[in-house]
């Protein structure tokens, strides 16, 4: 298990990656990280191993560790899994008459985030966007489905960096929530499916 110092370092590197400060493909050189953070090489290596395990960093034995660069095939696979998982979660939530409190809170948080003056998403918007989809899956109450979503979450957050440049329609989640509240499975499914497909299109455009 990584030390507390390594965990803190890993968390800060993850924050910088998800903020777009360290771009996909950027080198994470041990010496530079040691100097920047005043940490020992063992701590730096442990932090990088943790980020590799999270799917955020890639390592080539002959090169420095790098921020993971998702390929178009990676993104297609990720979104295919995401689509299956979220549509199934939505079906269970609507048909099972599951409480929607967590989903409603996630939508409210997302709507409370002020867009940037520019065209792209802010870091806060990206985090709030992912939180809506996490809340949808967690609303099912299935430990297995929730655990599966969390294995995808870090890679999804990497893919979401594409929205910094092009937010598309800014991903309005309220219509999905309204359809789920009305227990209109057909409409909710159509809205969520289109939302996910729009995200895939933007991510693939950014990766090409």
N, C-alpha and C. Protein backbone atom coordinates (compact mmCIF):
# COMPACT_ATOMS: atom_id res chain seq x y z
N UNK A 1 0.85 -1.20 0.00
CA UNK A 1 0.00 0.00 0.00
C UNK A 1 0.88 1.24 0.00
N UNK A 2 0.50 2.25 -0.81
CA UNK A 2 1.29 3.47 -0.89
C UNK A 2 1.24 4.22 0.44
N UNK A 3 2.34 4.96 0.75
CA UNK A 3 2.39 5.74 1.97
C UNK A 3 1.46 6.94 1.86
N UNK A 4 1.23 7.58 3.01
CA UNK A 4 0.39 8.78 3.01
C UNK A 4 0.99 9.84 2.12
N UNK A 5 2.32 10.02 2.17
CA UNK A 5 2.97 11.01 1.31
C UNK A 5 2.77 10.69 -0.16
N UNK A 6 2.88 9.42 -0.50
CA UNK A 6 2.69 9.01 -1.89
C UNK A 6 1.24 9.23 -2.32
N UNK A 7 0.31 8.96 -1.41
CA UNK A 7 -1.11 9.19 -1.72
C UNK A 7 -1.39 10.66 -1.96
N UNK A 8 -0.81 11.52 -1.12
CA UNK A 8 -1.01 12.96 -1.31
C UNK A 8 -0.43 13.41 -2.64
N UNK A 9 0.74 12.90 -2.98
CA UNK A 9 1.37 13.25 -4.25
C UNK A 9 0.52 12.75 -5.42
N UNK A 10 0.03 11.53 -5.31
CA UNK A 10 -0.81 10.98 -6.37
C UNK A 10 -2.08 11.81 -6.54
N UNK A 11 -2.67 12.24 -5.43
CA UNK A 11 -3.89 13.05 -5.51
C UNK A 11 -3.63 14.39 -6.17
N UNK A 12 -2.49 15.00 -5.87
CA UNK A 12 -2.21 16.30 -6.48
C UNK A 12 -1.92 16.15 -7.97
N UNK A 13 -1.20 15.11 -8.34
CA UNK A 13 -0.96 14.88 -9.76
C UNK A 13 -2.26 14.60 -10.49
N UNK A 14 -3.14 13.82 -9.86
CA UNK A 14 -4.45 13.54 -10.47
C UNK A 14 -5.23 14.84 -10.64
N UNK A 15 -5.19 15.70 -9.62
CA UNK A 15 -5.89 16.99 -9.71
C UNK A 15 -5.37 17.80 -10.90
N UNK A 16 -4.06 17.85 -11.05
CA UNK A 16 -3.46 18.63 -12.14
C UNK A 16 -3.79 18.04 -13.51
N UNK A 17 -3.84 16.71 -13.57
CA UNK A 17 -4.20 16.04 -14.83
C UNK A 17 -5.64 16.35 -15.19
N UNK A 18 -6.54 16.21 -14.22
CA UNK A 18 -7.96 16.42 -14.48
C UNK A 18 -8.29 17.90 -14.72
N UNK A 19 -7.39 18.79 -14.29
CA UNK A 19 -7.57 20.22 -14.56
C UNK A 19 -7.00 20.62 -15.92
N UNK A 20 -6.34 19.66 -16.58
CA UNK A 20 -5.74 19.96 -17.87
C UNK A 20 -4.38 20.62 -17.77
N UNK A 21 -3.83 20.73 -16.55
CA UNK A 21 -2.50 21.33 -16.38
C UNK A 21 -1.41 20.42 -16.92
N UNK A 22 -1.63 19.11 -16.80
CA UNK A 22 -0.72 18.11 -17.35
C UNK A 22 -1.50 17.41 -18.46
N UNK A 23 -1.15 17.71 -19.69
CA UNK A 23 -1.93 17.24 -20.83
C UNK A 23 -1.70 15.76 -21.09
N UNK A 24 -2.68 15.08 -21.69
CA UNK A 24 -2.46 13.69 -22.10
C UNK A 24 -1.20 13.56 -22.94
N UNK A 25 -0.36 12.59 -22.57
CA UNK A 25 0.91 12.39 -23.26
C UNK A 25 2.07 13.10 -22.60
N UNK A 26 1.80 13.99 -21.62
CA UNK A 26 2.87 14.72 -20.95
C UNK A 26 3.73 13.78 -20.13
N UNK A 27 5.06 13.98 -20.19
CA UNK A 27 5.99 13.14 -19.43
C UNK A 27 5.94 13.50 -17.94
N UNK A 28 6.03 12.48 -17.10
CA UNK A 28 6.08 12.65 -15.65
C UNK A 28 7.42 12.10 -15.19
N UNK A 29 8.44 12.93 -15.25
CA UNK A 29 9.81 12.49 -14.96
C UNK A 29 10.06 12.49 -13.46
N UNK A 30 10.64 11.41 -12.98
CA UNK A 30 10.86 11.26 -11.55
C UNK A 30 11.67 12.41 -10.98
N UNK A 31 12.74 12.79 -11.68
CA UNK A 31 13.60 13.86 -11.17
C UNK A 31 12.86 15.18 -11.03
N UNK A 32 12.07 15.52 -12.03
CA UNK A 32 11.31 16.77 -11.99
C UNK A 32 10.28 16.75 -10.88
N UNK A 33 9.63 15.61 -10.69
CA UNK A 33 8.63 15.51 -9.63
C UNK A 33 9.28 15.57 -8.25
N UNK A 34 10.44 14.95 -8.12
CA UNK A 34 11.18 14.99 -6.86
C UNK A 34 11.52 16.43 -6.49
N UNK A 35 12.00 17.20 -7.48
CA UNK A 35 12.35 18.60 -7.23
C UNK A 35 11.13 19.45 -6.93
N UNK A 36 10.07 19.26 -7.67
CA UNK A 36 8.86 20.09 -7.50
C UNK A 36 8.21 19.87 -6.14
N UNK A 37 8.13 18.60 -5.73
CA UNK A 37 7.39 18.28 -4.52
C UNK A 37 8.28 18.07 -3.29
N UNK A 38 9.59 18.08 -3.49
CA UNK A 38 10.48 17.83 -2.37
C UNK A 38 10.31 16.45 -1.79
N UNK A 39 9.97 15.50 -2.65
CA UNK A 39 9.71 14.12 -2.21
C UNK A 39 10.85 13.22 -2.65
N UNK A 40 11.03 12.13 -1.93
CA UNK A 40 12.03 11.14 -2.30
C UNK A 40 11.59 10.34 -3.52
N UNK A 41 12.55 9.71 -4.16
CA UNK A 41 12.23 8.94 -5.37
C UNK A 41 11.29 7.77 -5.07
N UNK A 42 11.43 7.16 -3.89
CA UNK A 42 10.54 6.05 -3.55
C UNK A 42 9.08 6.54 -3.46
N UNK A 43 8.92 7.73 -2.89
CA UNK A 43 7.57 8.30 -2.78
C UNK A 43 7.01 8.62 -4.17
N UNK A 44 7.84 9.22 -5.02
CA UNK A 44 7.41 9.56 -6.38
C UNK A 44 7.03 8.29 -7.14
N UNK A 45 7.87 7.27 -7.03
CA UNK A 45 7.57 6.02 -7.75
C UNK A 45 6.29 5.38 -7.24
N UNK A 46 6.08 5.43 -5.93
CA UNK A 46 4.84 4.86 -5.37
C UNK A 46 3.62 5.64 -5.86
N UNK A 47 3.74 6.96 -5.95
CA UNK A 47 2.62 7.78 -6.44
C UNK A 47 2.34 7.46 -7.90
N UNK A 48 3.37 7.30 -8.70
CA UNK A 48 3.17 6.98 -10.11
C UNK A 48 2.55 5.60 -10.28
N UNK A 49 2.97 4.66 -9.45
CA UNK A 49 2.35 3.32 -9.51
C UNK A 49 0.87 3.39 -9.19
N UNK A 50 0.52 4.23 -8.22
CA UNK A 50 -0.89 4.40 -7.86
C UNK A 50 -1.69 4.97 -9.03
N UNK A 51 -1.12 5.95 -9.72
CA UNK A 51 -1.82 6.56 -10.85
C UNK A 51 -1.91 5.60 -12.04
N UNK A 52 -0.91 4.75 -12.19
CA UNK A 52 -0.98 3.71 -13.23
C UNK A 52 -2.12 2.76 -12.91
N UNK A 53 -2.25 2.39 -11.62
CA UNK A 53 -3.33 1.48 -11.21
C UNK A 53 -4.70 2.12 -11.42
N UNK A 54 -4.79 3.44 -11.32
CA UNK A 54 -6.05 4.14 -11.52
C UNK A 54 -6.38 4.32 -13.00
N UNK A 55 -5.43 4.01 -13.88
CA UNK A 55 -5.67 4.15 -15.31
C UNK A 55 -5.41 5.54 -15.85
N UNK A 56 -4.78 6.39 -15.04
CA UNK A 56 -4.55 7.79 -15.43
C UNK A 56 -3.18 7.98 -16.08
N UNK A 57 -2.24 7.15 -15.68
CA UNK A 57 -0.85 7.26 -16.16
C UNK A 57 -0.46 5.95 -16.83
N UNK A 58 0.33 6.08 -17.87
CA UNK A 58 0.86 4.92 -18.59
C UNK A 58 2.37 4.87 -18.40
N UNK A 59 2.92 3.68 -18.42
CA UNK A 59 4.36 3.54 -18.22
C UNK A 59 4.97 2.61 -19.25
N UNK A 60 6.00 3.09 -19.88
CA UNK A 60 6.80 2.31 -20.82
C UNK A 60 8.16 2.11 -20.16
N UNK A 61 8.63 0.86 -20.01
CA UNK A 61 9.91 0.61 -19.32
C UNK A 61 11.07 1.40 -19.90
N UNK A 62 10.99 1.81 -21.16
CA UNK A 62 12.09 2.50 -21.81
C UNK A 62 11.90 4.01 -21.85
N UNK A 63 10.80 4.52 -21.24
CA UNK A 63 10.55 5.95 -21.24
C UNK A 63 10.00 6.36 -19.88
N UNK A 64 9.87 7.68 -19.69
CA UNK A 64 9.25 8.17 -18.47
C UNK A 64 7.77 7.80 -18.44
N UNK A 65 7.22 7.77 -17.25
CA UNK A 65 5.77 7.64 -17.13
C UNK A 65 5.14 8.86 -17.80
N UNK A 66 3.95 8.66 -18.35
CA UNK A 66 3.27 9.76 -19.05
C UNK A 66 1.79 9.77 -18.68
N UNK A 67 1.21 10.95 -18.76
CA UNK A 67 -0.24 11.05 -18.61
C UNK A 67 -0.86 10.22 -19.73
N UNK A 68 -1.78 9.38 -19.37
CA UNK A 68 -2.34 8.47 -20.36
C UNK A 68 -3.04 9.22 -21.49
N UNK A 69 -2.75 8.83 -22.69
CA UNK A 69 -3.36 9.40 -23.89
C UNK A 69 -4.33 8.36 -24.45
N UNK A 70 -5.61 8.64 -24.32
CA UNK A 70 -6.61 7.69 -24.80
C UNK A 70 -6.69 7.72 -26.32
N UNK A 71 -6.63 6.56 -26.94
CA UNK A 71 -6.76 6.45 -28.39
C UNK A 71 -8.24 6.44 -28.76
N UNK A 72 -8.57 6.65 -30.03
CA UNK A 72 -9.97 6.53 -30.44
C UNK A 72 -10.57 5.17 -30.08
N UNK A 73 -9.80 4.10 -30.21
CA UNK A 73 -10.31 2.77 -29.84
C UNK A 73 -10.56 2.68 -28.33
N UNK A 74 -9.67 3.27 -27.53
CA UNK A 74 -9.88 3.31 -26.08
C UNK A 74 -11.20 4.00 -25.76
N UNK A 75 -11.43 5.12 -26.42
CA UNK A 75 -12.63 5.92 -26.15
C UNK A 75 -13.89 5.17 -26.57
N UNK A 76 -13.83 4.52 -27.72
CA UNK A 76 -15.00 3.74 -28.17
C UNK A 76 -15.31 2.62 -27.18
N UNK A 77 -14.28 1.91 -26.73
CA UNK A 77 -14.49 0.83 -25.76
C UNK A 77 -15.07 1.38 -24.45
N UNK A 78 -14.50 2.49 -24.00
CA UNK A 78 -14.93 3.10 -22.74
C UNK A 78 -16.39 3.52 -22.82
N UNK A 79 -16.76 4.15 -23.91
CA UNK A 79 -18.14 4.62 -24.06
C UNK A 79 -19.11 3.47 -24.30
N UNK A 80 -18.66 2.41 -24.95
CA UNK A 80 -19.54 1.24 -25.13
C UNK A 80 -19.88 0.64 -23.77
N UNK A 81 -18.88 0.50 -22.90
CA UNK A 81 -19.12 -0.03 -21.56
C UNK A 81 -19.98 0.92 -20.75
N UNK A 82 -19.66 2.18 -20.86
CA UNK A 82 -20.41 3.19 -20.12
C UNK A 82 -21.89 3.17 -20.52
N UNK A 83 -22.14 3.09 -21.81
CA UNK A 83 -23.52 3.10 -22.31
C UNK A 83 -24.30 1.91 -21.76
N UNK A 84 -23.71 0.71 -21.83
CA UNK A 84 -24.38 -0.48 -21.31
C UNK A 84 -24.69 -0.32 -19.82
N UNK A 85 -23.72 0.15 -19.08
CA UNK A 85 -23.87 0.27 -17.63
C UNK A 85 -24.91 1.31 -17.24
N UNK A 86 -24.84 2.49 -17.86
CA UNK A 86 -25.74 3.57 -17.46
C UNK A 86 -27.18 3.32 -17.93
N UNK A 87 -27.35 2.76 -19.11
CA UNK A 87 -28.71 2.47 -19.56
C UNK A 87 -29.36 1.38 -18.71
N UNK A 88 -28.58 0.40 -18.29
CA UNK A 88 -29.11 -0.62 -17.39
C UNK A 88 -29.45 -0.01 -16.04
N UNK A 89 -28.57 0.88 -15.54
CA UNK A 89 -28.85 1.54 -14.27
C UNK A 89 -30.12 2.37 -14.38
N UNK A 90 -30.27 3.08 -15.47
CA UNK A 90 -31.47 3.89 -15.66
C UNK A 90 -32.73 3.02 -15.69
N UNK A 91 -32.67 1.90 -16.38
CA UNK A 91 -33.82 1.00 -16.45
C UNK A 91 -34.21 0.54 -15.04
N UNK A 92 -33.22 0.16 -14.24
CA UNK A 92 -33.52 -0.33 -12.90
C UNK A 92 -34.08 0.78 -12.01
N UNK A 93 -33.55 1.98 -12.17
CA UNK A 93 -34.02 3.10 -11.37
C UNK A 93 -35.48 3.41 -11.70
N UNK A 94 -35.80 3.46 -13.00
CA UNK A 94 -37.15 3.83 -13.41
C UNK A 94 -38.15 2.71 -13.11
N UNK A 95 -37.81 1.50 -13.51
CA UNK A 95 -38.75 0.38 -13.31
C UNK A 95 -38.84 -0.04 -11.86
N UNK A 96 -37.78 0.15 -11.12
CA UNK A 96 -37.79 -0.26 -9.72
C UNK A 96 -38.31 0.79 -8.77
N UNK A 97 -38.72 1.94 -9.35
CA UNK A 97 -39.25 3.02 -8.53
C UNK A 97 -38.26 3.42 -7.44
N UNK A 98 -36.97 3.46 -7.84
CA UNK A 98 -35.91 3.79 -6.89
C UNK A 98 -35.98 5.27 -6.49
N UNK A 99 -35.59 5.61 -5.27
CA UNK A 99 -35.56 7.02 -4.86
C UNK A 99 -34.62 7.82 -5.77
N UNK A 100 -35.00 9.05 -6.06
CA UNK A 100 -34.23 9.88 -6.98
C UNK A 100 -33.52 11.03 -6.27
N UNK A 101 -33.48 10.98 -4.94
CA UNK A 101 -32.90 12.09 -4.17
C UNK A 101 -31.45 12.35 -4.58
N UNK A 102 -30.65 11.29 -4.67
CA UNK A 102 -29.23 11.45 -5.01
C UNK A 102 -29.07 12.04 -6.40
N UNK A 103 -29.91 11.60 -7.32
CA UNK A 103 -29.86 12.11 -8.70
C UNK A 103 -30.30 13.58 -8.74
N UNK A 104 -31.33 13.92 -7.99
CA UNK A 104 -31.79 15.30 -7.94
C UNK A 104 -30.72 16.22 -7.36
N UNK A 105 -30.03 15.75 -6.33
CA UNK A 105 -28.96 16.56 -5.74
C UNK A 105 -27.82 16.76 -6.72
N UNK A 106 -27.51 15.71 -7.50
CA UNK A 106 -26.43 15.82 -8.48
C UNK A 106 -26.77 16.82 -9.58
N UNK A 107 -28.03 16.82 -10.02
CA UNK A 107 -28.46 17.79 -11.03
C UNK A 107 -28.39 19.21 -10.47
N UNK A 108 -28.83 19.39 -9.23
CA UNK A 108 -28.79 20.71 -8.61
C UNK A 108 -27.35 21.21 -8.49
N UNK A 109 -26.42 20.33 -8.11
CA UNK A 109 -25.01 20.73 -8.01
C UNK A 109 -24.47 21.13 -9.37
N UNK A 110 -24.84 20.34 -10.39
CA UNK A 110 -24.36 20.64 -11.75
C UNK A 110 -24.88 21.99 -12.22
N UNK A 111 -26.14 22.28 -11.95
CA UNK A 111 -26.72 23.54 -12.39
C UNK A 111 -26.20 24.73 -11.59
N UNK A 112 -25.68 24.47 -10.39
CA UNK A 112 -25.16 25.56 -9.55
C UNK A 112 -23.77 26.00 -9.98
N UNK A 113 -23.10 25.19 -10.79
CA UNK A 113 -21.75 25.54 -11.24
C UNK A 113 -21.84 26.57 -12.36
N UNK A 114 -21.15 27.68 -12.16
CA UNK A 114 -21.18 28.74 -13.16
C UNK A 114 -20.26 28.38 -14.33
N UNK A 115 -20.78 28.48 -15.58
CA UNK A 115 -19.91 28.24 -16.74
C UNK A 115 -18.82 29.29 -16.82
N UNK A 116 -17.71 28.92 -17.44
CA UNK A 116 -16.61 29.85 -17.65
C UNK A 116 -17.03 30.90 -18.68
N UNK A 117 -16.37 32.04 -18.61
CA UNK A 117 -16.66 33.09 -19.59
C UNK A 117 -16.29 32.65 -21.01
N UNK A 118 -15.35 31.70 -21.10
CA UNK A 118 -14.98 31.17 -22.41
C UNK A 118 -15.99 30.13 -22.87
N UNK A 119 -15.61 29.37 -23.88
CA UNK A 119 -16.56 28.42 -24.47
C UNK A 119 -16.50 27.04 -23.83
N UNK A 120 -15.36 26.69 -23.25
CA UNK A 120 -15.20 25.33 -22.76
C UNK A 120 -15.71 25.12 -21.35
N UNK A 121 -15.68 23.87 -20.93
CA UNK A 121 -16.05 23.49 -19.57
C UNK A 121 -14.99 23.95 -18.58
N UNK A 122 -15.41 24.25 -17.36
CA UNK A 122 -14.48 24.43 -16.26
C UNK A 122 -14.24 23.07 -15.61
N UNK A 123 -13.22 22.99 -14.77
CA UNK A 123 -12.95 21.77 -14.02
C UNK A 123 -14.15 21.41 -13.15
N UNK A 124 -14.76 22.42 -12.54
CA UNK A 124 -15.92 22.17 -11.68
C UNK A 124 -17.08 21.58 -12.47
N UNK A 125 -17.28 22.06 -13.70
CA UNK A 125 -18.34 21.50 -14.54
C UNK A 125 -18.05 20.04 -14.89
N UNK A 126 -16.79 19.75 -15.22
CA UNK A 126 -16.42 18.38 -15.57
C UNK A 126 -16.67 17.44 -14.40
N UNK A 127 -16.26 17.86 -13.21
CA UNK A 127 -16.46 17.02 -12.02
C UNK A 127 -17.95 16.83 -11.73
N UNK A 128 -18.73 17.91 -11.85
CA UNK A 128 -20.16 17.83 -11.59
C UNK A 128 -20.87 16.98 -12.64
N UNK A 129 -20.39 17.04 -13.86
CA UNK A 129 -20.97 16.22 -14.92
C UNK A 129 -20.78 14.74 -14.62
N UNK A 130 -19.56 14.37 -14.25
CA UNK A 130 -19.30 12.97 -13.92
C UNK A 130 -20.10 12.53 -12.70
N UNK A 131 -20.27 13.45 -11.75
CA UNK A 131 -21.01 13.11 -10.53
C UNK A 131 -22.47 12.75 -10.83
N UNK A 132 -23.07 13.37 -11.85
CA UNK A 132 -24.43 13.01 -12.22
C UNK A 132 -24.50 11.55 -12.66
N UNK A 133 -23.56 11.14 -13.47
CA UNK A 133 -23.57 9.77 -13.99
C UNK A 133 -23.23 8.77 -12.88
N UNK A 134 -22.37 9.19 -11.98
CA UNK A 134 -22.06 8.35 -10.81
C UNK A 134 -23.32 8.19 -9.95
N UNK A 135 -24.03 9.29 -9.75
CA UNK A 135 -25.25 9.24 -8.92
C UNK A 135 -26.30 8.34 -9.56
N UNK A 136 -26.39 8.37 -10.89
CA UNK A 136 -27.36 7.51 -11.58
C UNK A 136 -27.08 6.04 -11.26
N UNK A 137 -25.83 5.65 -11.39
CA UNK A 137 -25.47 4.25 -11.16
C UNK A 137 -25.63 3.90 -9.67
N UNK A 138 -25.19 4.79 -8.79
CA UNK A 138 -25.29 4.51 -7.37
C UNK A 138 -26.74 4.44 -6.89
N UNK A 139 -27.65 5.11 -7.61
CA UNK A 139 -29.06 5.10 -7.21
C UNK A 139 -29.68 3.71 -7.30
N UNK A 140 -29.07 2.84 -8.07
CA UNK A 140 -29.59 1.47 -8.20
C UNK A 140 -29.45 0.73 -6.87
N UNK A 141 -28.38 1.05 -6.12
CA UNK A 141 -28.14 0.36 -4.86
C UNK A 141 -27.43 -0.96 -5.03
N UNK A 142 -26.76 -1.14 -6.19
CA UNK A 142 -26.00 -2.36 -6.46
C UNK A 142 -24.52 -2.10 -6.26
N UNK A 143 -23.93 -2.78 -5.31
CA UNK A 143 -22.50 -2.61 -5.06
C UNK A 143 -21.69 -2.97 -6.29
N UNK A 144 -22.11 -4.02 -7.00
CA UNK A 144 -21.37 -4.47 -8.18
C UNK A 144 -21.41 -3.43 -9.30
N UNK A 145 -22.60 -2.88 -9.57
CA UNK A 145 -22.70 -1.86 -10.61
C UNK A 145 -21.91 -0.61 -10.23
N UNK A 146 -22.00 -0.21 -8.98
CA UNK A 146 -21.26 0.97 -8.53
C UNK A 146 -19.76 0.75 -8.64
N UNK A 147 -19.31 -0.43 -8.25
CA UNK A 147 -17.89 -0.74 -8.33
C UNK A 147 -17.42 -0.74 -9.78
N UNK A 148 -18.25 -1.26 -10.67
CA UNK A 148 -17.89 -1.29 -12.08
C UNK A 148 -17.78 0.13 -12.63
N UNK A 149 -18.71 1.00 -12.24
CA UNK A 149 -18.63 2.38 -12.70
C UNK A 149 -17.35 3.04 -12.24
N UNK A 150 -16.97 2.80 -10.99
CA UNK A 150 -15.77 3.44 -10.46
C UNK A 150 -14.51 2.98 -11.18
N UNK A 151 -14.51 1.76 -11.73
CA UNK A 151 -13.34 1.31 -12.50
C UNK A 151 -13.22 2.08 -13.81
N UNK A 152 -14.34 2.64 -14.28
CA UNK A 152 -14.34 3.42 -15.52
C UNK A 152 -14.16 4.92 -15.27
N UNK A 153 -14.43 5.36 -14.04
CA UNK A 153 -14.58 6.79 -13.76
C UNK A 153 -13.33 7.60 -14.10
N UNK A 154 -12.16 7.13 -13.74
CA UNK A 154 -10.95 7.91 -14.00
C UNK A 154 -10.68 8.05 -15.49
N UNK A 155 -10.90 6.97 -16.23
CA UNK A 155 -10.71 7.05 -17.68
C UNK A 155 -11.76 7.96 -18.31
N UNK A 156 -12.98 7.92 -17.79
CA UNK A 156 -14.02 8.82 -18.28
C UNK A 156 -13.62 10.27 -18.03
N UNK A 157 -13.07 10.53 -16.85
CA UNK A 157 -12.68 11.91 -16.52
C UNK A 157 -11.56 12.37 -17.44
N UNK A 158 -10.65 11.46 -17.81
CA UNK A 158 -9.63 11.80 -18.80
C UNK A 158 -10.27 12.14 -20.14
N UNK A 159 -11.21 11.32 -20.55
CA UNK A 159 -11.90 11.56 -21.82
C UNK A 159 -12.64 12.89 -21.79
N UNK A 160 -13.18 13.26 -20.63
CA UNK A 160 -13.96 14.49 -20.51
C UNK A 160 -13.11 15.73 -20.74
N UNK A 161 -11.79 15.62 -20.72
CA UNK A 161 -10.93 16.78 -20.98
C UNK A 161 -11.20 17.37 -22.36
N UNK A 162 -11.77 16.55 -23.26
CA UNK A 162 -12.11 17.06 -24.59
C UNK A 162 -13.12 18.20 -24.49
N UNK A 163 -13.96 18.20 -23.44
CA UNK A 163 -15.02 19.20 -23.33
C UNK A 163 -14.48 20.57 -22.92
N UNK A 164 -13.21 20.62 -22.48
CA UNK A 164 -12.62 21.92 -22.16
C UNK A 164 -12.56 22.78 -23.42
N UNK A 165 -12.30 22.12 -24.56
CA UNK A 165 -12.22 22.85 -25.82
C UNK A 165 -13.58 23.00 -26.49
N UNK A 166 -14.44 21.98 -26.37
CA UNK A 166 -15.72 22.00 -27.06
C UNK A 166 -16.77 21.36 -26.15
N UNK A 167 -17.60 22.16 -25.49
CA UNK A 167 -18.58 21.60 -24.55
C UNK A 167 -19.82 21.03 -25.20
N UNK A 168 -19.96 21.16 -26.51
CA UNK A 168 -21.17 20.69 -27.16
C UNK A 168 -22.38 21.43 -26.61
N UNK A 169 -23.40 20.69 -26.17
CA UNK A 169 -24.61 21.33 -25.64
C UNK A 169 -24.56 21.53 -24.13
N UNK A 170 -23.38 21.36 -23.57
CA UNK A 170 -23.12 21.50 -22.13
C UNK A 170 -23.85 20.45 -21.30
N UNK A 171 -24.34 19.41 -21.93
CA UNK A 171 -24.82 18.24 -21.21
C UNK A 171 -25.89 18.50 -20.19
N UNK A 172 -27.04 18.99 -20.61
CA UNK A 172 -28.15 19.25 -19.68
C UNK A 172 -28.73 17.93 -19.19
N UNK A 173 -28.65 17.73 -17.87
CA UNK A 173 -29.12 16.47 -17.29
C UNK A 173 -30.56 16.53 -16.79
N UNK A 174 -31.12 17.74 -16.65
CA UNK A 174 -32.45 17.84 -16.06
C UNK A 174 -33.52 17.11 -16.85
N UNK A 175 -33.52 17.17 -18.20
CA UNK A 175 -34.54 16.41 -18.92
C UNK A 175 -34.48 14.90 -18.64
N UNK A 176 -33.29 14.39 -18.43
CA UNK A 176 -33.15 12.96 -18.09
C UNK A 176 -33.78 12.71 -16.73
N UNK A 177 -33.49 13.58 -15.77
CA UNK A 177 -34.07 13.46 -14.44
C UNK A 177 -35.59 13.57 -14.48
N UNK A 178 -36.10 14.53 -15.25
CA UNK A 178 -37.55 14.73 -15.33
C UNK A 178 -38.24 13.50 -15.89
N UNK A 179 -37.64 12.89 -16.93
CA UNK A 179 -38.23 11.69 -17.51
C UNK A 179 -38.18 10.53 -16.52
N UNK A 180 -37.08 10.43 -15.78
CA UNK A 180 -36.98 9.37 -14.77
C UNK A 180 -38.00 9.58 -13.66
N UNK A 181 -38.20 10.83 -13.27
CA UNK A 181 -39.18 11.14 -12.22
C UNK A 181 -40.59 10.78 -12.67
N UNK A 182 -40.86 10.98 -13.96
CA UNK A 182 -42.17 10.63 -14.52
C UNK A 182 -42.29 9.14 -14.79
N UNK A 183 -41.22 8.39 -14.55
CA UNK A 183 -41.16 6.95 -14.81
C UNK A 183 -41.44 6.65 -16.29
N UNK A 184 -40.96 7.57 -17.14
CA UNK A 184 -41.07 7.41 -18.60
C UNK A 184 -39.76 6.81 -19.10
N UNK A 185 -39.68 5.48 -19.09
CA UNK A 185 -38.44 4.81 -19.42
C UNK A 185 -38.01 5.07 -20.86
N UNK A 186 -38.96 5.06 -21.77
CA UNK A 186 -38.61 5.25 -23.18
C UNK A 186 -37.95 6.61 -23.40
N UNK A 187 -38.55 7.65 -22.87
CA UNK A 187 -37.99 9.00 -23.06
C UNK A 187 -36.67 9.15 -22.30
N UNK A 188 -36.61 8.67 -21.09
CA UNK A 188 -35.37 8.77 -20.31
C UNK A 188 -34.23 8.05 -21.01
N UNK A 189 -34.52 6.87 -21.53
CA UNK A 189 -33.49 6.09 -22.24
C UNK A 189 -33.02 6.81 -23.49
N UNK A 190 -33.96 7.37 -24.24
CA UNK A 190 -33.59 8.10 -25.45
C UNK A 190 -32.72 9.30 -25.14
N UNK A 191 -33.08 10.05 -24.10
CA UNK A 191 -32.30 11.23 -23.73
C UNK A 191 -30.90 10.87 -23.26
N UNK A 192 -30.80 9.85 -22.41
CA UNK A 192 -29.49 9.45 -21.91
C UNK A 192 -28.63 8.88 -23.03
N UNK A 193 -29.23 8.08 -23.90
CA UNK A 193 -28.48 7.49 -25.00
C UNK A 193 -27.92 8.58 -25.91
N UNK A 194 -28.74 9.58 -26.23
CA UNK A 194 -28.27 10.67 -27.08
C UNK A 194 -27.18 11.48 -26.38
N UNK A 195 -27.33 11.67 -25.08
CA UNK A 195 -26.33 12.40 -24.29
C UNK A 195 -24.98 11.68 -24.34
N UNK A 196 -25.00 10.38 -24.16
CA UNK A 196 -23.76 9.61 -24.19
C UNK A 196 -23.16 9.61 -25.59
N UNK A 197 -23.99 9.46 -26.62
CA UNK A 197 -23.48 9.46 -27.99
C UNK A 197 -22.89 10.81 -28.38
N UNK A 198 -23.49 11.90 -27.91
CA UNK A 198 -22.93 13.22 -28.17
C UNK A 198 -21.55 13.36 -27.52
N UNK A 199 -21.43 12.85 -26.29
CA UNK A 199 -20.14 12.88 -25.62
C UNK A 199 -19.09 12.08 -26.36
N UNK A 200 -19.48 10.92 -26.86
CA UNK A 200 -18.55 10.09 -27.63
C UNK A 200 -18.08 10.84 -28.87
N UNK A 201 -19.00 11.49 -29.56
CA UNK A 201 -18.65 12.22 -30.78
C UNK A 201 -17.61 13.30 -30.48
N UNK A 202 -17.82 14.06 -29.41
CA UNK A 202 -16.89 15.13 -29.06
C UNK A 202 -15.53 14.59 -28.65
N UNK A 203 -15.54 13.49 -27.88
CA UNK A 203 -14.27 12.89 -27.45
C UNK A 203 -13.47 12.35 -28.63
N UNK A 204 -14.16 11.71 -29.57
CA UNK A 204 -13.47 11.18 -30.74
C UNK A 204 -12.94 12.30 -31.62
N UNK A 205 -13.69 13.40 -31.72
CA UNK A 205 -13.21 14.53 -32.51
C UNK A 205 -11.94 15.10 -31.91
N UNK A 206 -11.89 15.18 -30.58
CA UNK A 206 -10.70 15.70 -29.92
C UNK A 206 -9.51 14.78 -30.04
N UNK A 207 -9.78 13.47 -30.13
CA UNK A 207 -8.69 12.48 -30.19
C UNK A 207 -8.13 12.29 -31.59
N UNK A 208 -8.86 12.78 -32.59
CA UNK A 208 -8.44 12.54 -33.98
C UNK A 208 -7.43 13.59 -34.45
